Amino acid sequence: MLELSFDDPDKLVAVAHALSTRARVDMLQLLSTRNMNIMEIADTLKLPVSTVANNVKILEAAKLINTELLPATRGAMKVCSRNYDDIRIAFNVEKTVPRPVLNTYEMEMPIGHYSDCEVHPTCGMANTDGMLVREDEPASFYHPKHVGAQLIWLRKGYLEYLLPLEVPPKARIDALELSMEMCSEAPNYDNNWPSDITVWMNGVEIGTWTSPGDFGDRRGRLNPSWWADWSTQYGLLKTWRIDRKWTTLDMEKISDVTIGDLKLLQRPNIRLRVGVKPDAVHQGGMNLFGRQFGDYEQDIVLKVYYAADQQESENEAAGS
């Protein structure tokens, strides 16, 4: 049995994140019967191998599974086994230890509601009814209809969003999480097409993710029927977390940027920029998916974890 408590919050957060998606829960359920390699898991769950491999890393980082490289017909295969049958989380803490009462602020920003952009071909955008603008015309990204976009792609440049931050003036922000579905941008599609996609918040570069490709080996789960089979189909759901220690990407440290570096309470919004830098090693573009394209029914999701008032929170915790 895995025992978790507030005494080790990092471990608790890692396990909670690992259990936060249906795909990873399904994978753990599969591994309750026998050990399986990544190809077997992907085939059973009807998921792309790249998605399974990414989720295996998250489960492994949370120590919910073990992996072992074993010889295969061609090269080696990664075999996964489950570590625990039960997980127990102890929420009770000593009353003599005051702990802040955390609140969560969450909002979802449609991908078409960007406030600024710089775009270079190949580029375009679509929704469930068809193409929103003419392809490969950067000027069209300033057309008002861009707010309805459900899929946006560009080869170089960025999209910038202003996300409202509605927390009390005296709030103490402990952590911020940002998630979105994305992949590279290749002609038609190419599963082996790396791209360095960078995220900035309030002008601070928090980290770069190298997308392995522009995925089109199967249809995206949410794609409308008119969308061509030979085009980009789905992305990977990536989650950045910035706290008081550092920044992580899918629970793995990616930079030393902390919440304090973002100066969040000095303005009523968060300026988010996502794009490919002109000097990136892999300039493979970017696809950004809305809730009606790809595999995940969401747009850009922001979660902020905060204590409304530090002194008030400590008093509540001490008297609970």
Protein backbone atom coordinates (compact mmCIF):
# COMPACT_ATOMS: atom_id res chain seq x y z
CA MET A 1 0.00 0.00 0.00
CA LEU A 2 1.18 3.52 -0.83
CA GLU A 3 0.78 5.90 2.13
CA LEU A 4 0.45 9.61 1.32
CA SER A 5 0.05 12.65 3.56
CA PHE A 6 0.60 16.39 3.69
CA ASP A 7 4.01 15.71 5.26
CA ASP A 8 5.28 15.05 1.73
CA PRO A 9 3.25 17.44 -0.46
CA ASP A 10 5.46 17.01 -3.54
CA LYS A 11 4.84 13.27 -3.58
CA LEU A 12 1.13 13.80 -2.99
CA VAL A 13 0.91 16.26 -5.91
CA ALA A 14 2.87 13.91 -8.18
CA VAL A 15 0.53 11.00 -7.46
CA ALA A 16 -2.59 13.16 -7.76
CA HIS A 17 -1.37 14.43 -11.14
CA ALA A 18 -0.61 10.89 -12.29
CA LEU A 19 -4.19 9.86 -11.47
CA SER A 20 -5.80 12.95 -13.02
CA THR A 21 -6.52 11.56 -16.51
CA ARG A 22 -8.67 8.66 -17.69
CA ALA A 23 -5.88 7.30 -19.89
CA ARG A 24 -3.46 6.84 -16.98
CA VAL A 25 -6.17 5.32 -14.77
CA ASP A 26 -7.00 2.87 -17.58
CA MET A 27 -3.32 1.98 -17.89
CA LEU A 28 -3.06 1.22 -14.15
CA GLN A 29 -6.17 -0.94 -14.40
CA LEU A 30 -4.63 -2.90 -17.27
CA LEU A 31 -1.45 -3.48 -15.30
CA SER A 32 -3.43 -4.97 -12.40
CA THR A 33 -3.76 -8.19 -14.41
CA ARG A 34 -0.27 -8.57 -15.87
CA ASN A 35 2.86 -6.72 -16.95
CA MET A 36 2.60 -5.18 -20.41
CA ASN A 37 4.88 -3.37 -22.83
CA ILE A 38 4.07 0.02 -24.30
CA MET A 39 2.94 -1.41 -27.65
CA GLU A 40 0.50 -3.81 -25.92
CA ILE A 41 -0.95 -1.00 -23.80
CA ALA A 42 -1.36 1.26 -26.84
CA ASP A 43 -3.04 -1.51 -28.82
CA THR A 44 -5.43 -2.43 -26.00
CA LEU A 45 -6.47 1.14 -25.20
CA LYS A 46 -6.52 2.24 -28.89
CA LEU A 47 -4.08 5.05 -28.14
CA PRO A 48 -1.01 6.19 -30.09
CA VAL A 49 2.29 4.80 -28.86
CA SER A 50 3.60 8.35 -28.30
CA THR A 51 0.69 9.15 -25.96
CA VAL A 52 1.20 5.94 -23.97
CA ALA A 53 4.95 6.55 -23.71
CA ASN A 54 4.35 10.07 -22.40
CA ASN A 55 1.86 8.83 -19.79
CA VAL A 56 4.19 6.02 -18.75
CA LYS A 57 6.82 8.65 -17.89
CA ILE A 58 4.33 10.46 -15.64
CA LEU A 59 3.26 7.25 -13.85
CA GLU A 60 6.89 6.28 -13.45
CA ALA A 61 7.83 9.71 -12.05
CA ALA A 62 5.07 9.29 -9.45
CA LYS A 63 6.49 5.81 -8.67
CA LEU A 64 3.13 4.18 -9.40
CA ILE A 65 4.74 1.85 -11.94
CA ASN A 66 8.16 0.37 -12.69
CA THR A 67 9.58 -0.03 -16.19
CA GLU A 68 12.22 -2.43 -17.42
CA LEU A 69 13.94 -2.69 -20.79
CA LEU A 70 13.86 -6.28 -22.06
CA PRO A 71 15.14 -7.80 -25.30
CA ALA A 72 12.67 -7.89 -28.19
CA THR A 73 12.69 -9.19 -31.74
CA ARG A 74 13.97 -5.81 -32.87
CA GLY A 75 15.99 -4.00 -30.24
CA ALA A 76 14.43 -3.68 -26.78
CA MET A 77 10.96 -3.12 -25.38
CA LYS A 78 9.90 -1.25 -22.25
CA VAL A 79 7.80 -3.49 -19.97
CA CYS A 80 5.62 -1.84 -17.33
CA SER A 81 4.52 -3.25 -13.97
CA ARG A 82 2.33 -1.74 -11.27
CA ASN A 83 3.84 -0.98 -7.85
CA TYR A 84 0.77 -0.73 -5.61
CA ASP A 85 -2.66 -2.26 -5.22
CA ASP A 86 -3.90 0.39 -2.79
CA ILE A 87 -3.27 4.07 -2.10
CA ARG A 88 -4.12 5.70 1.23
CA ILE A 89 -4.14 9.48 1.65
CA ALA A 90 -4.13 10.86 5.20
CA PHE A 91 -5.76 14.29 5.23
CA ASN A 92 -5.63 14.77 9.02
CA VAL A 93 -2.78 16.96 10.29
CA GLU A 94 -1.67 18.05 13.74
CA LYS A 95 -3.75 21.01 14.95
CA THR A 96 -0.65 22.59 16.46
CA VAL A 97 0.84 23.04 12.97
CA PRO A 98 -0.93 25.90 11.18
CA ARG A 99 -1.31 25.36 7.48
CA PRO A 100 -2.71 27.81 4.94
CA VAL A 101 -6.17 27.09 3.58
CA LEU A 102 -5.70 26.95 -0.20
CA ASN A 103 -8.32 28.01 -2.71
CA THR A 104 -8.34 27.28 -6.42
CA TYR A 105 -9.04 29.76 -9.18
CA GLU A 106 -9.66 28.09 -12.55
CA MET A 107 -10.52 29.47 -15.97
CA GLU A 108 -10.50 28.18 -19.54
CA MET A 109 -9.43 30.44 -22.40
CA PRO A 110 -10.63 29.52 -25.93
CA ILE A 111 -7.61 29.22 -28.22
CA GLY A 112 -9.09 31.70 -30.69
CA HIS A 113 -9.22 34.51 -28.11
CA TYR A 114 -5.61 35.57 -28.47
CA SER A 115 -4.85 39.27 -27.95
CA ASP A 116 -1.72 39.47 -30.10
CA CYS A 117 0.17 37.30 -32.54
CA GLU A 118 3.09 37.03 -34.92
CA VAL A 119 2.58 34.37 -37.56
CA HIS A 120 4.58 32.93 -40.44
CA PRO A 121 3.40 30.32 -43.00
CA THR A 122 2.46 27.58 -42.99
CA CYS A 123 -0.45 28.95 -40.97
CA GLY A 124 -4.21 28.81 -40.69
CA MET A 125 -7.16 28.10 -38.45
CA ALA A 126 -10.34 26.05 -38.56
CA ASN A 127 -13.49 25.29 -36.59
CA THR A 128 -16.09 22.53 -36.73
CA ASP A 129 -17.70 23.96 -39.89
CA GLY A 130 -14.59 24.49 -42.01
CA MET A 131 -11.59 26.75 -42.58
CA LEU A 132 -11.98 30.13 -40.86
CA VAL A 133 -9.45 32.03 -42.96
CA ARG A 134 -7.41 31.48 -46.11
CA GLU A 135 -4.37 29.33 -45.46
CA ASP A 136 -0.86 30.77 -45.32
CA GLU A 137 -1.99 34.40 -45.06
CA PRO A 138 -0.67 35.84 -41.74
CA ALA A 139 -2.75 39.01 -42.13
CA SER A 140 -5.92 36.91 -41.78
CA PHE A 141 -4.99 36.18 -38.16
CA TYR A 142 -6.22 39.70 -37.32
CA HIS A 143 -9.70 39.04 -38.74
CA PRO A 144 -12.39 39.16 -35.99
CA LYS A 145 -13.54 35.65 -36.86
CA HIS A 146 -10.34 34.27 -35.27
CA VAL A 147 -12.19 34.11 -31.92
CA GLY A 148 -14.07 31.04 -33.19
CA ALA A 149 -10.96 28.98 -33.94
CA GLN A 150 -10.82 25.40 -32.68
CA LEU A 151 -7.48 24.54 -34.32
CA ILE A 152 -4.65 27.01 -35.02
CA TRP A 153 -1.34 26.26 -36.73
CA LEU A 154 1.76 28.29 -37.57
CA ARG A 155 5.34 27.51 -38.62
CA LYS A 156 7.05 30.33 -36.68
CA GLY A 157 5.94 33.10 -34.36
CA TYR A 158 3.62 33.14 -31.37
CA LEU A 159 0.13 33.56 -29.99
CA GLU A 160 -0.40 35.75 -26.91
CA TYR A 161 -3.33 35.63 -24.49
CA LEU A 162 -4.47 37.82 -21.58
CA LEU A 163 -5.92 35.54 -18.92
CA PRO A 164 -7.86 37.25 -16.11
CA LEU A 165 -6.51 36.66 -12.60
CA GLU A 166 -9.42 37.01 -10.20
CA VAL A 167 -7.91 36.45 -6.75
CA PRO A 168 -8.09 38.68 -3.64
CA PRO A 169 -5.55 41.55 -3.46
CA LYS A 170 -3.81 40.05 -0.40
CA ALA A 171 -3.76 36.51 -1.74
CA ARG A 172 -0.63 34.43 -1.38
CA ILE A 173 -0.26 32.45 -4.58
CA ASP A 174 1.43 29.08 -4.02
CA ALA A 175 1.28 27.51 -7.48
CA LEU A 176 -0.03 27.93 -10.99
CA GLU A 177 -0.82 25.22 -13.54
CA LEU A 178 -1.30 25.67 -17.27
CA SER A 179 -2.40 22.91 -19.65
CA MET A 180 -3.06 22.76 -23.39
CA GLU A 181 -3.04 20.23 -26.25
CA MET A 182 -0.37 20.90 -28.86
CA CYS A 183 2.07 19.39 -31.35
CA SER A 184 4.46 20.42 -34.16
CA GLU A 185 3.38 21.77 -37.57
CA ALA A 186 4.60 19.87 -40.64
CA PRO A 187 3.30 19.75 -44.24
CA ASN A 188 0.17 17.59 -43.93
CA TYR A 189 1.58 15.65 -40.95
CA ASP A 190 4.80 13.96 -39.88
CA ASN A 191 5.05 12.00 -36.63
CA ASN A 192 8.81 12.56 -36.65
CA TRP A 193 8.99 16.37 -36.91
CA PRO A 194 10.50 17.92 -33.75
CA SER A 195 9.68 21.46 -32.74
CA ASP A 196 10.83 23.58 -29.78
CA ILE A 197 7.67 25.18 -28.37
CA THR A 198 8.30 27.83 -25.71
CA VAL A 199 5.95 29.27 -23.07
CA TRP A 200 6.29 32.73 -21.50
CA MET A 201 4.25 34.21 -18.64
CA ASN A 202 4.30 37.95 -17.94
CA GLY A 203 7.35 38.23 -20.16
CA VAL A 204 9.28 35.51 -18.30
CA GLU A 205 10.33 32.44 -20.29
CA ILE A 206 9.25 29.49 -18.14
CA GLY A 207 10.44 26.67 -20.38
CA THR A 208 10.57 24.95 -23.76
CA TRP A 209 9.04 21.62 -24.76
CA THR A 210 10.38 19.77 -27.80
CA SER A 211 7.35 18.27 -29.48
CA PRO A 212 8.35 14.99 -31.17
CA GLY A 213 6.10 15.46 -34.18
CA ASP A 214 2.95 16.56 -35.96
CA PHE A 215 0.64 13.61 -35.28
CA GLY A 216 -1.59 12.22 -38.00
CA ASP A 217 -1.31 8.41 -37.84
CA ARG A 218 -4.97 8.21 -36.76
CA ARG A 219 -7.95 10.57 -36.55
CA GLY A 220 -8.25 12.84 -33.54
CA ARG A 221 -11.01 11.72 -31.19
CA LEU A 222 -12.92 15.03 -31.44
CA ASN A 223 -12.22 16.09 -35.04
CA PRO A 224 -15.22 17.05 -37.20
CA SER A 225 -16.07 14.80 -40.14
CA TRP A 226 -15.01 17.36 -42.77
CA TRP A 227 -11.39 17.43 -41.54
CA ALA A 228 -9.10 15.54 -43.95
CA ASP A 229 -7.44 12.29 -42.87
CA TRP A 230 -4.07 13.41 -44.25
CA SER A 231 -3.89 16.52 -42.04
CA THR A 232 -2.79 17.04 -38.43
CA GLN A 233 -5.07 14.99 -36.18
CA TYR A 234 -4.17 15.32 -32.50
CA GLY A 235 -1.61 16.64 -30.03
CA LEU A 236 -0.27 15.83 -26.59
CA LEU A 237 -1.74 17.38 -23.43
CA LYS A 238 1.09 19.25 -21.70
CA THR A 239 0.92 20.67 -18.17
CA TRP A 240 3.27 23.33 -16.84
CA ARG A 241 3.34 23.96 -13.08
CA ILE A 242 5.08 26.94 -11.50
CA ASP A 243 5.39 26.95 -7.70
CA ARG A 244 7.66 28.45 -5.05
CA LYS A 245 10.54 26.09 -5.91
CA TRP A 246 10.69 25.81 -9.70
CA THR A 247 8.77 25.08 -12.92
CA THR A 248 7.87 21.56 -14.01
CA LEU A 249 6.49 20.15 -17.26
CA ASP A 250 4.39 17.02 -16.68
CA MET A 251 5.92 16.80 -13.17
CA GLU A 252 9.52 16.94 -14.39
CA LYS A 253 11.61 20.04 -13.61
CA ILE A 254 12.13 22.21 -16.68
CA SER A 255 13.43 25.53 -15.25
CA ASP A 256 14.20 27.45 -12.04
CA VAL A 257 11.43 30.01 -12.62
CA THR A 258 9.25 30.42 -9.51
CA ILE A 259 5.90 32.05 -8.76
CA GLY A 260 7.72 35.08 -7.38
CA ASP A 261 9.44 35.68 -10.72
CA LEU A 262 6.07 36.18 -12.43
CA LYS A 263 4.97 39.14 -10.23
CA LEU A 264 1.39 37.95 -10.53
CA LEU A 265 -0.28 40.35 -8.10
CA GLN A 266 1.07 43.46 -9.81
CA ARG A 267 -1.52 43.21 -12.61
CA PRO A 268 -5.13 41.91 -12.98
CA ASN A 269 -4.22 39.41 -15.69
CA ILE A 270 -1.59 36.95 -16.80
CA ARG A 271 0.07 37.55 -20.17
CA LEU A 272 0.63 34.14 -21.71
CA ARG A 273 2.69 33.66 -24.86
CA VAL A 274 3.14 30.36 -26.69
CA GLY A 275 5.30 30.00 -29.77
CA VAL A 276 8.45 29.00 -31.60
CA LYS A 277 11.47 31.30 -31.17
CA PRO A 278 13.30 32.48 -34.31
CA ASP A 279 16.52 30.99 -32.96
CA ALA A 280 14.99 27.68 -31.85
CA VAL A 281 17.07 24.60 -32.66
CA HIS A 282 13.98 22.81 -33.98
CA GLN A 283 11.75 25.28 -35.82
CA GLY A 284 9.00 22.78 -36.53
CA GLY A 285 6.02 25.04 -35.90
CA MET A 286 3.02 24.59 -33.62
CA ASN A 287 -0.54 23.28 -33.69
CA LEU A 288 -2.80 24.38 -30.82
CA PHE A 289 -6.04 22.46 -30.26
CA GLY A 290 -9.36 23.71 -28.88
CA ARG A 291 -12.03 21.64 -27.19
CA GLN A 292 -13.57 20.49 -30.51
CA PHE A 293 -10.39 19.22 -32.19
CA GLY A 294 -7.77 16.66 -31.23
CA ASP A 295 -8.06 14.23 -28.32
CA TYR A 296 -8.80 16.41 -25.28
CA GLU A 297 -12.03 18.33 -24.75
CA GLN A 298 -10.47 21.52 -23.43
CA ASP A 299 -8.97 24.82 -24.53
CA ILE A 300 -6.17 26.53 -22.54
CA VAL A 301 -6.81 25.74 -18.85
CA LEU A 302 -5.33 27.85 -16.06
CA LYS A 303 -5.43 26.85 -12.38
CA VAL A 304 -4.13 29.08 -9.59
CA TYR A 305 -3.71 27.75 -6.04
CA TYR A 306 -3.76 30.50 -3.41
CA ALA A 307 -4.50 31.44 0.21
CA ALA A 308 -7.00 34.31 0.30
CA ASP A 309 -5.19 36.01 3.18
CA GLN A 310 -2.10 34.50 4.77
CA GLN A 311 -2.87 35.51 8.39
CA GLU A 312 -6.54 34.57 8.09
CA SER A 313 -5.62 31.19 6.60
CA GLU A 314 -3.23 30.41 9.42
CA ASN A 315 -5.89 31.28 12.02
CA GLU A 316 -8.44 29.03 10.31
CA ALA A 317 -5.98 26.16 10.13
CA ALA A 318 -5.00 26.51 13.79
CA GLY A 319 -8.64 26.51 14.89
CA SER A 320 -9.83 23.63 12.69
